[in-house]
Amino acid sequence: AGGGAGQFAALRAVWASRWNERAWLACRRAGLPLAAVRMAVLVQGLVEADYAFVAHSRSPHDAEEIYVELVVGQGETLVGNHP
């Protein structure tokens, strides 16, 4: 539900983060050209939850492992691009 200019601006900001300094540095550390980065943005309704998590299909530490991050609450600290 919803839509509008505010949501489109937020979506555009997330997509544009592909080219920010943090992304550039991560690519540099990994030896990847920035042009090799692919991004998808998932838009979904908010669910009132006690915990939030993100599961990465490949661990940044070991390519053979799945990496999961878990936080208490809605997960803004997890996905909000906070250092």
PDB file of N, CA and C in Angstrom:
ATOM      1  N   ALA A   1       0.841  -1.182   0.000  1.00  0.00           N
ATOM      2  CA  ALA A   1       0.000   0.000   0.000  1.00  0.00           C
ATOM      3  C   ALA A   1       0.878   1.234   0.000  1.00  0.00           C
ATOM      4  N   GLY A   2       0.303   2.331  -0.346  1.00  0.00           N
ATOM      5  CA  GLY A   2       1.048   3.585  -0.314  1.00  0.00           C
ATOM      6  C   GLY A   2       1.657   3.908  -1.652  1.00  0.00           C
ATOM      7  N   GLY A   3       2.788   4.507  -1.626  1.00  0.00           N
ATOM      8  CA  GLY A   3       3.463   4.978  -2.827  1.00  0.00           C
ATOM      9  C   GLY A   3       3.868   6.412  -2.594  1.00  0.00           C
ATOM     10  N   GLY A   4       4.082   7.115  -3.654  1.00  0.00           N
ATOM     11  CA  GLY A   4       4.350   8.532  -3.532  1.00  0.00           C
ATOM     12  C   GLY A   4       5.807   8.910  -3.649  1.00  0.00           C
ATOM     13  N   ALA A   5       6.011  10.210  -3.673  1.00  0.00           N
ATOM     14  CA  ALA A   5       7.343  10.764  -3.904  1.00  0.00           C
ATOM     15  C   ALA A   5       8.324  10.417  -2.788  1.00  0.00           C
ATOM     16  N   GLY A   6       7.877  10.403  -1.535  1.00  0.00           N
ATOM     17  CA  GLY A   6       8.779  10.081  -0.426  1.00  0.00           C
ATOM     18  C   GLY A   6       9.327   8.675  -0.520  1.00  0.00           C
ATOM     19  N   GLN A   7       8.475   7.728  -0.857  1.00  0.00           N
ATOM     20  CA  GLN A   7       8.935   6.344  -0.979  1.00  0.00           C
ATOM     21  C   GLN A   7       9.858   6.180  -2.185  1.00  0.00           C
ATOM     22  N   PHE A   8       9.535   6.869  -3.272  1.00  0.00           N
ATOM     23  CA  PHE A   8      10.403   6.786  -4.452  1.00  0.00           C
ATOM     24  C   PHE A   8      11.772   7.387  -4.149  1.00  0.00           C
ATOM     25  N   ALA A   9      11.811   8.496  -3.426  1.00  0.00           N
ATOM     26  CA  ALA A   9      13.085   9.121  -3.057  1.00  0.00           C
ATOM     27  C   ALA A   9      13.906   8.186  -2.172  1.00  0.00           C
ATOM     28  N   ALA A  10      13.259   7.490  -1.235  1.00  0.00           N
ATOM     29  CA  ALA A  10      13.965   6.547  -0.374  1.00  0.00           C
ATOM     30  C   ALA A  10      14.518   5.376  -1.187  1.00  0.00           C
ATOM     31  N   LEU A  11      13.727   4.873  -2.104  1.00  0.00           N
ATOM     32  CA  LEU A  11      14.177   3.783  -2.969  1.00  0.00           C
ATOM     33  C   LEU A  11      15.371   4.224  -3.803  1.00  0.00           C
ATOM     34  N   ARG A  12      15.309   5.415  -4.358  1.00  0.00           N
ATOM     35  CA  ARG A  12      16.402   5.941  -5.173  1.00  0.00           C
ATOM     36  C   ARG A  12      17.673   6.119  -4.326  1.00  0.00           C
ATOM     37  N   ALA A  13      17.521   6.563  -3.080  1.00  0.00           N
ATOM     38  CA  ALA A  13      18.679   6.749  -2.200  1.00  0.00           C
ATOM     39  C   ALA A  13      19.349   5.413  -1.884  1.00  0.00           C
ATOM     40  N   VAL A  14      18.550   4.385  -1.643  1.00  0.00           N
ATOM     41  CA  VAL A  14      19.124   3.057  -1.375  1.00  0.00           C
ATOM     42  C   VAL A  14      19.867   2.563  -2.604  1.00  0.00           C
ATOM     43  N   TRP A  15      19.241   2.679  -3.762  1.00  0.00           N
ATOM     44  CA  TRP A  15      19.878   2.218  -4.994  1.00  0.00           C
ATOM     45  C   TRP A  15      21.159   2.992  -5.266  1.00  0.00           C
ATOM     46  N   ALA A  16      21.158   4.290  -5.020  1.00  0.00           N
ATOM     47  CA  ALA A  16      22.329   5.126  -5.274  1.00  0.00           C
ATOM     48  C   ALA A  16      23.477   4.802  -4.326  1.00  0.00           C
ATOM     49  N   SER A  17      23.195   4.146  -3.197  1.00  0.00           N
ATOM     50  CA  SER A  17      24.256   3.819  -2.244  1.00  0.00           C
ATOM     51  C   SER A  17      25.287   2.875  -2.847  1.00  0.00           C
ATOM     52  N   ARG A  18      24.954   2.283  -3.960  1.00  0.00           N
ATOM     53  CA  ARG A  18      25.913   1.429  -4.667  1.00  0.00           C
ATOM     54  C   ARG A  18      27.193   2.202  -4.989  1.00  0.00           C
ATOM     55  N   TRP A  19      27.090   3.503  -5.151  1.00  0.00           N
ATOM     56  CA  TRP A  19      28.237   4.303  -5.550  1.00  0.00           C
ATOM     57  C   TRP A  19      28.806   5.139  -4.410  1.00  0.00           C
ATOM     58  N   ASN A  20      28.428   4.867  -3.169  1.00  0.00           N
ATOM     59  CA  ASN A  20      28.962   5.698  -2.077  1.00  0.00           C
ATOM     60  C   ASN A  20      30.373   5.233  -1.676  1.00  0.00           C
ATOM     61  N   GLU A  21      30.990   6.005  -0.767  1.00  0.00           N
ATOM     62  CA  GLU A  21      32.362   5.717  -0.356  1.00  0.00           C
ATOM     63  C   GLU A  21      32.490   4.335   0.290  1.00  0.00           C
ATOM     64  N   ARG A  22      31.507   3.981   1.096  1.00  0.00           N
ATOM     65  CA  ARG A  22      31.548   2.679   1.780  1.00  0.00           C
ATOM     66  C   ARG A  22      31.550   1.534   0.768  1.00  0.00           C
ATOM     67  N   ALA A  23      30.732   1.646  -0.276  1.00  0.00           N
ATOM     68  CA  ALA A  23      30.698   0.614  -1.318  1.00  0.00           C
ATOM     69  C   ALA A  23      32.022   0.577  -2.075  1.00  0.00           C
ATOM     70  N   TRP A  24      32.550   1.750  -2.391  1.00  0.00           N
ATOM     71  CA  TRP A  24      33.810   1.822  -3.117  1.00  0.00           C
ATOM     72  C   TRP A  24      34.933   1.167  -2.312  1.00  0.00           C
ATOM     73  N   LEU A  25      34.996   1.494  -1.017  1.00  0.00           N
ATOM     74  CA  LEU A  25      36.045   0.908  -0.170  1.00  0.00           C
ATOM     75  C   LEU A  25      35.890  -0.607  -0.044  1.00  0.00           C
ATOM     76  N   ALA A  26      34.653  -1.082   0.090  1.00  0.00           N
ATOM     77  CA  ALA A  26      34.423  -2.528   0.188  1.00  0.00           C
ATOM     78  C   ALA A  26      34.869  -3.235  -1.090  1.00  0.00           C
ATOM     79  N   CYS A  27      34.565  -2.645  -2.230  1.00  0.00           N
ATOM     80  CA  CYS A  27      34.997  -3.236  -3.506  1.00  0.00           C
ATOM     81  C   CYS A  27      36.512  -3.230  -3.618  1.00  0.00           C
ATOM     82  N   ARG A  28      37.111  -2.144  -3.194  1.00  0.00           N
ATOM     83  CA  ARG A  28      38.568  -2.046  -3.257  1.00  0.00           C
ATOM     84  C   ARG A  28      39.218  -3.125  -2.400  1.00  0.00           C
ATOM     85  N   ARG A  29      38.702  -3.315  -1.165  1.00  0.00           N
ATOM     86  CA  ARG A  29      39.244  -4.357  -0.280  1.00  0.00           C
ATOM     87  C   ARG A  29      39.074  -5.744  -0.884  1.00  0.00           C
ATOM     88  N   ALA A  30      37.955  -5.955  -1.584  1.00  0.00           N
ATOM     89  CA  ALA A  30      37.669  -7.272  -2.162  1.00  0.00           C
ATOM     90  C   ALA A  30      38.319  -7.461  -3.533  1.00  0.00           C
ATOM     91  N   GLY A  31      38.920  -6.397  -4.079  1.00  0.00           N
ATOM     92  CA  GLY A  31      39.541  -6.501  -5.394  1.00  0.00           C
ATOM     93  C   GLY A  31      38.535  -6.565  -6.530  1.00  0.00           C
ATOM     94  N   LEU A  32      37.361  -5.995  -6.322  1.00  0.00           N
ATOM     95  CA  LEU A  32      36.312  -6.003  -7.341  1.00  0.00           C
ATOM     96  C   LEU A  32      36.151  -4.627  -7.969  1.00  0.00           C
ATOM     97  N   PRO A  33      35.953  -4.563  -9.273  1.00  0.00           N
ATOM     98  CA  PRO A  33      35.616  -3.269  -9.869  1.00  0.00           C
ATOM     99  C   PRO A  33      34.190  -2.890  -9.464  1.00  0.00           C
ATOM    100  N   LEU A  34      33.944  -1.618  -9.222  1.00  0.00           N
ATOM    101  CA  LEU A  34      32.612  -1.168  -8.821  1.00  0.00           C
ATOM    102  C   LEU A  34      31.557  -1.558  -9.860  1.00  0.00           C
ATOM    103  N   ALA A  35      31.952  -1.635 -11.118  1.00  0.00           N
ATOM    104  CA  ALA A  35      31.011  -2.010 -12.188  1.00  0.00           C
ATOM    105  C   ALA A  35      30.514  -3.449 -12.030  1.00  0.00           C
ATOM    106  N   ALA A  36      31.213  -4.276 -11.255  1.00  0.00           N
ATOM    107  CA  ALA A  36      30.808  -5.668 -11.057  1.00  0.00           C
ATOM    108  C   ALA A  36      29.705  -5.816 -10.016  1.00  0.00           C
ATOM    109  N   VAL A  37      29.432  -4.746  -9.268  1.00  0.00           N
ATOM    110  CA  VAL A  37      28.433  -4.807  -8.201  1.00  0.00           C
ATOM    111  C   VAL A  37      27.032  -4.816  -8.793  1.00  0.00           C
ATOM    112  N   ARG A  38      26.205  -5.705  -8.304  1.00  0.00           N
ATOM    113  CA  ARG A  38      24.794  -5.772  -8.685  1.00  0.00           C
ATOM    114  C   ARG A  38      23.969  -5.509  -7.434  1.00  0.00           C
ATOM    115  N   MET A  39      22.828  -4.883  -7.596  1.00  0.00           N
ATOM    116  CA  MET A  39      22.008  -4.550  -6.440  1.00  0.00           C
ATOM    117  C   MET A  39      20.545  -4.763  -6.766  1.00  0.00           C
ATOM    118  N   ALA A  40      19.827  -5.225  -5.768  1.00  0.00           N
ATOM    119  CA  ALA A  40      18.372  -5.309  -5.831  1.00  0.00           C
ATOM    120  C   ALA A  40      17.841  -4.631  -4.575  1.00  0.00           C
ATOM    121  N   VAL A  41      16.698  -4.014  -4.679  1.00  0.00           N
ATOM    122  CA  VAL A  41      16.080  -3.357  -3.534  1.00  0.00           C
ATOM    123  C   VAL A  41      14.728  -4.026  -3.295  1.00  0.00           C
ATOM    124  N   LEU A  42      14.533  -4.542  -2.106  1.00  0.00           N
ATOM    125  CA  LEU A  42      13.282  -5.178  -1.712  1.00  0.00           C
ATOM    126  C   LEU A  42      12.442  -4.172  -0.943  1.00  0.00           C
ATOM    127  N   VAL A  43      11.215  -3.980  -1.371  1.00  0.00           N
ATOM    128  CA  VAL A  43      10.296  -3.072  -0.679  1.00  0.00           C
ATOM    129  C   VAL A  43       9.165  -3.921  -0.122  1.00  0.00           C
ATOM    130  N   GLN A  44       8.967  -3.828   1.189  1.00  0.00           N
ATOM    131  CA  GLN A  44       7.907  -4.616   1.819  1.00  0.00           C
ATOM    132  C   GLN A  44       7.321  -3.849   2.985  1.00  0.00           C
ATOM    133  N   GLY A  45       6.160  -4.261   3.395  1.00  0.00           N
ATOM    134  CA  GLY A  45       5.498  -3.623   4.521  1.00  0.00           C
ATOM    135  C   GLY A  45       6.214  -3.917   5.828  1.00  0.00           C
ATOM    136  N   LEU A  46       6.116  -2.997   6.765  1.00  0.00           N
ATOM    137  CA  LEU A  46       6.740  -3.157   8.077  1.00  0.00           C
ATOM    138  C   LEU A  46       5.918  -4.118   8.927  1.00  0.00           C
ATOM    139  N   VAL A  47       6.598  -5.023   9.578  1.00  0.00           N
ATOM    140  CA  VAL A  47       5.987  -5.958  10.510  1.00  0.00           C
ATOM    141  C   VAL A  47       6.506  -5.633  11.900  1.00  0.00           C
ATOM    142  N   GLU A  48       5.623  -5.435  12.848  1.00  0.00           N
ATOM    143  CA  GLU A  48       6.049  -5.195  14.226  1.00  0.00           C
ATOM    144  C   GLU A  48       6.695  -6.478  14.745  1.00  0.00           C
ATOM    145  N   ALA A  49       7.990  -6.418  15.008  1.00  0.00           N
ATOM    146  CA  ALA A  49       8.725  -7.629  15.367  1.00  0.00           C
ATOM    147  C   ALA A  49       9.611  -7.397  16.583  1.00  0.00           C
ATOM    148  N   ASP A  50       9.940  -8.480  17.256  1.00  0.00           N
ATOM    149  CA  ASP A  50      10.859  -8.418  18.389  1.00  0.00           C
ATOM    150  C   ASP A  50      12.311  -8.478  17.930  1.00  0.00           C
ATOM    151  N   TYR A  51      12.552  -9.122  16.782  1.00  0.00           N
ATOM    152  CA  TYR A  51      13.891  -9.294  16.249  1.00  0.00           C
ATOM    153  C   TYR A  51      13.879  -9.035  14.749  1.00  0.00           C
ATOM    154  N   ALA A  52      15.032  -8.680  14.212  1.00  0.00           N
ATOM    155  CA  ALA A  52      15.203  -8.528  12.768  1.00  0.00           C
ATOM    156  C   ALA A  52      16.517  -9.202  12.387  1.00  0.00           C
ATOM    157  N   PHE A  53      16.578  -9.725  11.174  1.00  0.00           N
ATOM    158  CA  PHE A  53      17.815 -10.356  10.743  1.00  0.00           C
ATOM    159  C   PHE A  53      17.995 -10.222   9.235  1.00  0.00           C
ATOM    160  N   VAL A  54      19.232 -10.362   8.827  1.00  0.00           N
ATOM    161  CA  VAL A  54      19.589 -10.426   7.416  1.00  0.00           C
ATOM    162  C   VAL A  54      20.457 -11.658   7.249  1.00  0.00           C
ATOM    163  N   ALA A  55      20.141 -12.484   6.267  1.00  0.00           N
ATOM    164  CA  ALA A  55      20.949 -13.659   5.959  1.00  0.00           C
ATOM    165  C   ALA A  55      21.637 -13.419   4.617  1.00  0.00           C
ATOM    166  N   HIS A  56      22.952 -13.493   4.625  1.00  0.00           N
ATOM    167  CA  HIS A  56      23.739 -13.321   3.412  1.00  0.00           C
ATOM    168  C   HIS A  56      24.033 -14.700   2.841  1.00  0.00           C
ATOM    169  N   SER A  57      23.869 -14.865   1.542  1.00  0.00           N
ATOM    170  CA  SER A  57      24.104 -16.177   0.939  1.00  0.00           C
ATOM    171  C   SER A  57      25.582 -16.541   0.920  1.00  0.00           C
ATOM    172  N   ARG A  58      26.436 -15.560   1.192  1.00  0.00           N
ATOM    173  CA  ARG A  58      27.877 -15.820   1.235  1.00  0.00           C
ATOM    174  C   ARG A  58      28.497 -14.961   2.332  1.00  0.00           C
ATOM    175  N   SER A  59      29.186 -15.589   3.224  1.00  0.00           N
ATOM    176  CA  SER A  59      29.829 -14.877   4.324  1.00  0.00           C
ATOM    177  C   SER A  59      30.979 -14.021   3.799  1.00  0.00           C
ATOM    178  N   PRO A  60      31.136 -12.806   4.343  1.00  0.00           N
ATOM    179  CA  PRO A  60      32.297 -12.004   3.943  1.00  0.00           C
ATOM    180  C   PRO A  60      33.602 -12.564   4.514  1.00  0.00           C
ATOM    181  N   HIS A  61      33.495 -13.517   5.429  1.00  0.00           N
ATOM    182  CA  HIS A  61      34.661 -14.080   6.086  1.00  0.00           C
ATOM    183  C   HIS A  61      35.054 -15.449   5.527  1.00  0.00           C
ATOM    184  N   ASP A  62      34.083 -16.221   5.065  1.00  0.00           N
ATOM    185  CA  ASP A  62      34.338 -17.571   4.559  1.00  0.00           C
ATOM    186  C   ASP A  62      33.288 -17.890   3.500  1.00  0.00           C
ATOM    187  N   ALA A  63      33.700 -18.046   2.253  1.00  0.00           N
ATOM    188  CA  ALA A  63      32.783 -18.263   1.133  1.00  0.00           C
ATOM    189  C   ALA A  63      31.951 -19.540   1.272  1.00  0.00           C
ATOM    190  N   GLU A  64      32.357 -20.425   2.147  1.00  0.00           N
ATOM    191  CA  GLU A  64      31.630 -21.679   2.334  1.00  0.00           C
ATOM    192  C   GLU A  64      30.534 -21.572   3.386  1.00  0.00           C
ATOM    193  N   GLU A  65      30.429 -20.445   4.050  1.00  0.00           N
ATOM    194  CA  GLU A  65      29.455 -20.275   5.124  1.00  0.00           C
ATOM    195  C   GLU A  65      28.366 -19.274   4.749  1.00  0.00           C
ATOM    196  N   ILE A  66      27.198 -19.444   5.338  1.00  0.00           N
ATOM    197  CA  ILE A  66      26.134 -18.450   5.270  1.00  0.00           C
ATOM    198  C   ILE A  66      26.310 -17.549   6.482  1.00  0.00           C
ATOM    199  N   TYR A  67      26.142 -16.260   6.292  1.00  0.00           N
ATOM    200  CA  TYR A  67      26.375 -15.279   7.350  1.00  0.00           C
ATOM    201  C   TYR A  67      25.048 -14.640   7.718  1.00  0.00           C
ATOM    202  N   VAL A  68      24.685 -14.668   9.005  1.00  0.00           N
ATOM    203  CA  VAL A  68      23.410 -14.119   9.472  1.00  0.00           C
ATOM    204  C   VAL A  68      23.690 -13.068  10.535  1.00  0.00           C
ATOM    205  N   GLU A  69      23.032 -11.909  10.396  1.00  0.00           N
ATOM    206  CA  GLU A  69      23.123 -10.840  11.398  1.00  0.00           C
ATOM    207  C   GLU A  69      21.755 -10.693  12.034  1.00  0.00           C
ATOM    208  N   LEU A  70      21.703 -10.574  13.360  1.00  0.00           N
ATOM    209  CA  LEU A  70      20.454 -10.514  14.107  1.00  0.00           C
ATOM    210  C   LEU A  70      20.515  -9.356  15.096  1.00  0.00           C
ATOM    211  N   VAL A  71      19.413  -8.595  15.194  1.00  0.00           N
ATOM    212  CA  VAL A  71      19.323  -7.508  16.173  1.00  0.00           C
ATOM    213  C   VAL A  71      17.959  -7.557  16.845  1.00  0.00           C
ATOM    214  N   VAL A  72      17.888  -6.976  18.026  1.00  0.00           N
ATOM    215  CA  VAL A  72      16.622  -6.838  18.740  1.00  0.00           C
ATOM    216  C   VAL A  72      15.904  -5.618  18.185  1.00  0.00           C
ATOM    217  N   GLY A  73      14.615  -5.749  17.920  1.00  0.00           N
ATOM    218  CA  GLY A  73      13.815  -4.623  17.441  1.00  0.00           C
ATOM    219  C   GLY A  73      13.561  -4.669  15.951  1.00  0.00           C
ATOM    220  N   GLN A  74      13.273  -3.499  15.390  1.00  0.00           N
ATOM    221  CA  GLN A  74      12.869  -3.397  13.988  1.00  0.00           C
ATOM    222  C   GLN A  74      14.001  -3.562  12.990  1.00  0.00           C
ATOM    223  N   GLY A  75      15.234  -3.431  13.410  1.00  0.00           N
ATOM    224  CA  GLY A  75      16.350  -3.690  12.516  1.00  0.00           C
ATOM    225  C   GLY A  75      16.949  -2.481  11.850  1.00  0.00           C
ATOM    226  N   GLU A  76      16.559  -1.272  12.243  1.00  0.00           N
ATOM    227  CA  GLU A  76      17.130  -0.078  11.624  1.00  0.00           C
ATOM    228  C   GLU A  76      18.639  -0.033  11.797  1.00  0.00           C
ATOM    229  N   THR A  77      19.135  -0.452  12.955  1.00  0.00           N
ATOM    230  CA  THR A  77      20.583  -0.459  13.173  1.00  0.00           C
ATOM    231  C   THR A  77      21.285  -1.479  12.282  1.00  0.00           C
ATOM    232  N   LEU A  78      20.567  -2.488  11.857  1.00  0.00           N
ATOM    233  CA  LEU A  78      21.131  -3.531  11.017  1.00  0.00           C
ATOM    234  C   LEU A  78      21.205  -3.108   9.547  1.00  0.00           C
ATOM    235  N   VAL A  79      20.174  -2.479   9.053  1.00  0.00           N
ATOM    236  CA  VAL A  79      20.092  -2.170   7.623  1.00  0.00           C
ATOM    237  C   VAL A  79      20.193  -0.691   7.313  1.00  0.00           C
ATOM    238  N   GLY A  80      20.362   0.154   8.324  1.00  0.00           N
ATOM    239  CA  GLY A  80      20.343   1.591   8.125  1.00  0.00           C
ATOM    240  C   GLY A  80      21.660   2.224   7.737  1.00  0.00           C
ATOM    241  N   ASN A  81      22.652   1.429   7.351  1.00  0.00           N
ATOM    242  CA  ASN A  81      23.945   1.947   6.902  1.00  0.00           C
ATOM    243  C   ASN A  81      24.653   2.726   8.003  1.00  0.00           C
ATOM    244  N   HIS A  82      24.534   2.252   9.239  1.00  0.00           N
ATOM    245  CA  HIS A  82      25.228   2.863  10.361  1.00  0.00           C
ATOM    246  C   HIS A  82      26.547   2.108  10.581  1.00  0.00           C
ATOM    247  N   PRO A  83      27.628   2.831  10.801  1.00  0.00           N
ATOM    248  CA  PRO A  83      28.925   2.135  10.991  1.00  0.00           C
ATOM    249  C   PRO A  83      28.950   1.293  12.246  1.00  0.00           C
TER     250      PRO A  83
END
